[in-house]
Amino acid sequence: MLKHSFIVKDRRFKGKKFWGQADIASRTVYIDPRLDRDEYIRTLVHESLHILAPFLDEEYVEEWGSEIGNVVLQQLQLKGYLK
């Protein structure tokens, strides 16, 4: 059985090289709070994939994270949760 819980914390990263980071050992995702809403959601999905599926190559995390993030944003907008 997979352990699905993890912690999400703010961390300001210097420059634009990193928007988020996943610490698999502590099951903690760090996201730069300066991101706009859409990039925050996409980054949260991306880093969450690193925690939940650490065996995935970065290429898959990039592709899947982007796709899942876009679907989440689209559905939130369609349902009126985002303006």
N, C-alpha and C. Protein backbone atom coordinates (compact mmCIF):
# COMPACT_ATOMS: atom_id res chain seq x y z
N MET A 1 0.84 -1.18 0.00
CA MET A 1 0.00 0.00 0.00
C MET A 1 0.89 1.25 0.00
N LEU A 2 0.53 2.21 -0.82
CA LEU A 2 1.27 3.47 -0.87
C LEU A 2 0.84 4.40 0.24
N LYS A 3 1.80 5.11 0.77
CA LYS A 3 1.49 6.14 1.75
C LYS A 3 1.29 7.44 0.98
N HIS A 4 0.08 7.99 1.03
CA HIS A 4 -0.25 9.13 0.18
C HIS A 4 -0.15 10.49 0.86
N SER A 5 -0.01 10.53 2.16
CA SER A 5 0.01 11.84 2.81
C SER A 5 1.40 12.47 2.72
N PHE A 6 1.37 13.78 2.58
CA PHE A 6 2.61 14.55 2.60
C PHE A 6 2.28 15.98 2.99
N ILE A 7 3.31 16.74 3.27
CA ILE A 7 3.17 18.11 3.76
C ILE A 7 3.55 19.07 2.63
N VAL A 8 2.84 20.19 2.55
CA VAL A 8 3.17 21.25 1.59
C VAL A 8 3.52 22.50 2.38
N LYS A 9 4.69 23.06 2.08
CA LYS A 9 5.17 24.26 2.78
C LYS A 9 5.65 25.29 1.76
N ASP A 10 5.60 26.55 2.18
CA ASP A 10 6.15 27.64 1.37
C ASP A 10 7.66 27.68 1.52
N ARG A 11 8.33 27.99 0.42
CA ARG A 11 9.77 28.25 0.45
C ARG A 11 10.08 29.17 -0.72
N ARG A 12 10.72 30.27 -0.42
CA ARG A 12 11.12 31.21 -1.46
C ARG A 12 12.43 30.71 -2.06
N PHE A 13 12.42 30.49 -3.37
CA PHE A 13 13.61 30.05 -4.07
C PHE A 13 14.24 31.26 -4.74
N LYS A 14 15.55 31.31 -4.73
CA LYS A 14 16.26 32.43 -5.36
C LYS A 14 16.22 32.25 -6.87
N GLY A 15 15.89 33.33 -7.56
CA GLY A 15 15.82 33.28 -9.02
C GLY A 15 14.60 32.51 -9.48
N LYS A 16 14.54 32.21 -10.75
CA LYS A 16 13.41 31.49 -11.32
C LYS A 16 13.78 30.06 -11.71
N LYS A 17 14.94 29.60 -11.24
CA LYS A 17 15.37 28.25 -11.60
C LYS A 17 14.44 27.20 -11.01
N PHE A 18 14.02 27.41 -9.78
CA PHE A 18 13.15 26.45 -9.12
C PHE A 18 11.87 27.12 -8.68
N TRP A 19 10.75 26.47 -8.90
CA TRP A 19 9.47 26.94 -8.40
C TRP A 19 8.99 26.05 -7.27
N GLY A 20 9.53 24.82 -7.24
CA GLY A 20 9.14 23.89 -6.20
C GLY A 20 10.20 22.83 -6.02
N GLN A 21 10.05 22.08 -4.94
CA GLN A 21 11.00 21.03 -4.63
C GLN A 21 10.27 19.95 -3.84
N ALA A 22 10.60 18.70 -4.11
CA ALA A 22 10.02 17.58 -3.38
C ALA A 22 11.11 16.90 -2.57
N ASP A 23 10.92 16.81 -1.27
CA ASP A 23 11.83 16.09 -0.39
C ASP A 23 11.16 14.74 -0.09
N ILE A 24 11.58 13.73 -0.82
CA ILE A 24 10.94 12.43 -0.72
C ILE A 24 11.13 11.82 0.66
N ALA A 25 12.29 11.99 1.25
CA ALA A 25 12.58 11.40 2.56
C ALA A 25 11.64 11.92 3.65
N SER A 26 11.37 13.22 3.64
CA SER A 26 10.49 13.80 4.66
C SER A 26 9.04 13.93 4.17
N ARG A 27 8.81 13.53 2.91
CA ARG A 27 7.48 13.62 2.29
C ARG A 27 6.93 15.05 2.40
N THR A 28 7.81 15.99 2.01
CA THR A 28 7.47 17.41 2.06
C THR A 28 7.65 18.03 0.68
N VAL A 29 6.65 18.80 0.26
CA VAL A 29 6.71 19.57 -0.98
C VAL A 29 6.87 21.03 -0.59
N TYR A 30 7.84 21.69 -1.21
CA TYR A 30 8.07 23.11 -1.00
C TYR A 30 7.70 23.84 -2.30
N ILE A 31 6.91 24.91 -2.17
CA ILE A 31 6.50 25.68 -3.34
C ILE A 31 6.72 27.17 -3.05
N ASP A 32 7.24 27.85 -4.06
CA ASP A 32 7.48 29.29 -3.92
C ASP A 32 6.13 30.01 -3.88
N PRO A 33 5.83 30.71 -2.79
CA PRO A 33 4.53 31.37 -2.64
C PRO A 33 4.33 32.56 -3.57
N ARG A 34 5.38 32.98 -4.26
CA ARG A 34 5.27 34.11 -5.18
C ARG A 34 4.67 33.72 -6.53
N LEU A 35 4.46 32.43 -6.74
CA LEU A 35 3.88 31.98 -8.01
C LEU A 35 2.43 32.45 -8.14
N ASP A 36 2.00 32.66 -9.38
CA ASP A 36 0.59 32.98 -9.57
C ASP A 36 -0.23 31.70 -9.36
N ARG A 37 -1.52 31.85 -9.30
CA ARG A 37 -2.41 30.73 -8.97
C ARG A 37 -2.20 29.53 -9.88
N ASP A 38 -2.17 29.76 -11.19
CA ASP A 38 -2.06 28.66 -12.14
C ASP A 38 -0.72 27.94 -12.01
N GLU A 39 0.36 28.68 -11.90
CA GLU A 39 1.68 28.05 -11.76
C GLU A 39 1.81 27.35 -10.41
N TYR A 40 1.18 27.89 -9.38
CA TYR A 40 1.19 27.24 -8.07
C TYR A 40 0.53 25.86 -8.17
N ILE A 41 -0.62 25.80 -8.81
CA ILE A 41 -1.34 24.52 -8.94
C ILE A 41 -0.53 23.54 -9.78
N ARG A 42 -0.01 23.99 -10.90
CA ARG A 42 0.80 23.10 -11.75
C ARG A 42 2.04 22.60 -11.01
N THR A 43 2.68 23.48 -10.26
CA THR A 43 3.87 23.10 -9.50
C THR A 43 3.51 22.14 -8.38
N LEU A 44 2.39 22.37 -7.71
CA LEU A 44 1.93 21.46 -6.66
C LEU A 44 1.70 20.06 -7.22
N VAL A 45 1.06 19.97 -8.38
CA VAL A 45 0.83 18.66 -9.00
C VAL A 45 2.16 18.01 -9.37
N HIS A 46 3.06 18.78 -9.98
CA HIS A 46 4.36 18.26 -10.40
C HIS A 46 5.14 17.70 -9.21
N GLU A 47 5.27 18.49 -8.17
CA GLU A 47 6.04 18.05 -7.00
C GLU A 47 5.34 16.91 -6.27
N SER A 48 4.02 16.91 -6.28
CA SER A 48 3.27 15.81 -5.66
C SER A 48 3.56 14.49 -6.36
N LEU A 49 3.68 14.54 -7.68
CA LEU A 49 4.02 13.33 -8.43
C LEU A 49 5.39 12.79 -8.02
N HIS A 50 6.33 13.68 -7.73
CA HIS A 50 7.65 13.23 -7.26
C HIS A 50 7.52 12.46 -5.94
N ILE A 51 6.66 12.94 -5.06
CA ILE A 51 6.47 12.28 -3.76
C ILE A 51 5.72 10.95 -3.94
N LEU A 52 4.64 10.98 -4.70
CA LEU A 52 3.77 9.81 -4.84
C LEU A 52 4.33 8.73 -5.76
N ALA A 53 5.16 9.13 -6.71
CA ALA A 53 5.71 8.18 -7.67
C ALA A 53 7.18 8.50 -7.94
N PRO A 54 8.03 8.33 -6.93
CA PRO A 54 9.44 8.72 -7.06
C PRO A 54 10.21 7.94 -8.14
N PHE A 55 9.63 6.88 -8.63
CA PHE A 55 10.26 6.05 -9.66
C PHE A 55 10.10 6.64 -11.06
N LEU A 56 9.24 7.65 -11.21
CA LEU A 56 9.01 8.26 -12.52
C LEU A 56 10.18 9.15 -12.92
N ASP A 57 10.55 9.08 -14.18
CA ASP A 57 11.57 9.98 -14.73
C ASP A 57 11.01 11.39 -14.79
N GLU A 58 11.89 12.38 -14.77
CA GLU A 58 11.48 13.78 -14.82
C GLU A 58 10.65 14.08 -16.07
N GLU A 59 10.97 13.43 -17.17
CA GLU A 59 10.22 13.63 -18.41
C GLU A 59 8.73 13.31 -18.21
N TYR A 60 8.44 12.21 -17.54
CA TYR A 60 7.05 11.83 -17.29
C TYR A 60 6.40 12.77 -16.29
N VAL A 61 7.13 13.15 -15.27
CA VAL A 61 6.59 14.06 -14.26
C VAL A 61 6.23 15.39 -14.92
N GLU A 62 7.11 15.88 -15.79
CA GLU A 62 6.83 17.12 -16.51
C GLU A 62 5.55 17.00 -17.34
N GLU A 63 5.46 15.92 -18.12
CA GLU A 63 4.32 15.73 -19.01
C GLU A 63 3.03 15.51 -18.23
N TRP A 64 3.04 14.58 -17.30
CA TRP A 64 1.84 14.26 -16.53
C TRP A 64 1.45 15.42 -15.62
N GLY A 65 2.45 16.04 -14.99
CA GLY A 65 2.15 17.17 -14.10
C GLY A 65 1.47 18.30 -14.83
N SER A 66 1.96 18.59 -16.02
CA SER A 66 1.36 19.65 -16.83
C SER A 66 -0.06 19.28 -17.23
N GLU A 67 -0.26 18.06 -17.71
CA GLU A 67 -1.59 17.61 -18.13
C GLU A 67 -2.59 17.62 -16.96
N ILE A 68 -2.18 17.04 -15.84
CA ILE A 68 -3.07 16.98 -14.67
C ILE A 68 -3.36 18.38 -14.16
N GLY A 69 -2.33 19.22 -14.07
CA GLY A 69 -2.52 20.59 -13.62
C GLY A 69 -3.49 21.36 -14.49
N ASN A 70 -3.36 21.18 -15.81
CA ASN A 70 -4.27 21.87 -16.73
C ASN A 70 -5.71 21.38 -16.59
N VAL A 71 -5.89 20.08 -16.39
CA VAL A 71 -7.24 19.53 -16.21
C VAL A 71 -7.85 20.07 -14.91
N VAL A 72 -7.06 20.10 -13.84
CA VAL A 72 -7.56 20.62 -12.56
C VAL A 72 -7.98 22.08 -12.73
N LEU A 73 -7.12 22.88 -13.33
CA LEU A 73 -7.45 24.29 -13.54
C LEU A 73 -8.70 24.46 -14.40
N GLN A 74 -8.78 23.69 -15.48
CA GLN A 74 -9.93 23.77 -16.37
C GLN A 74 -11.22 23.43 -15.63
N GLN A 75 -11.21 22.38 -14.85
CA GLN A 75 -12.41 21.96 -14.14
C GLN A 75 -12.80 22.95 -13.05
N LEU A 76 -11.81 23.49 -12.35
CA LEU A 76 -12.10 24.49 -11.32
C LEU A 76 -12.73 25.73 -11.95
N GLN A 77 -12.26 26.11 -13.14
CA GLN A 77 -12.84 27.26 -13.83
C GLN A 77 -14.25 26.96 -14.33
N LEU A 78 -14.42 25.78 -14.93
CA LEU A 78 -15.75 25.40 -15.44
C LEU A 78 -16.79 25.31 -14.33
N LYS A 79 -16.39 24.87 -13.15
CA LYS A 79 -17.32 24.72 -12.03
C LYS A 79 -17.51 26.03 -11.26
N GLY A 80 -16.80 27.08 -11.67
CA GLY A 80 -16.97 28.37 -11.03
C GLY A 80 -16.15 28.59 -9.77
N TYR A 81 -15.24 27.68 -9.47
CA TYR A 81 -14.40 27.85 -8.28
C TYR A 81 -13.30 28.88 -8.49
N LEU A 82 -12.92 29.08 -9.75
CA LEU A 82 -11.92 30.08 -10.09
C LEU A 82 -12.56 31.10 -11.02
N LYS A 83 -12.23 32.33 -10.80
CA LYS A 83 -12.77 33.40 -11.65
C LYS A 83 -11.72 33.84 -12.63
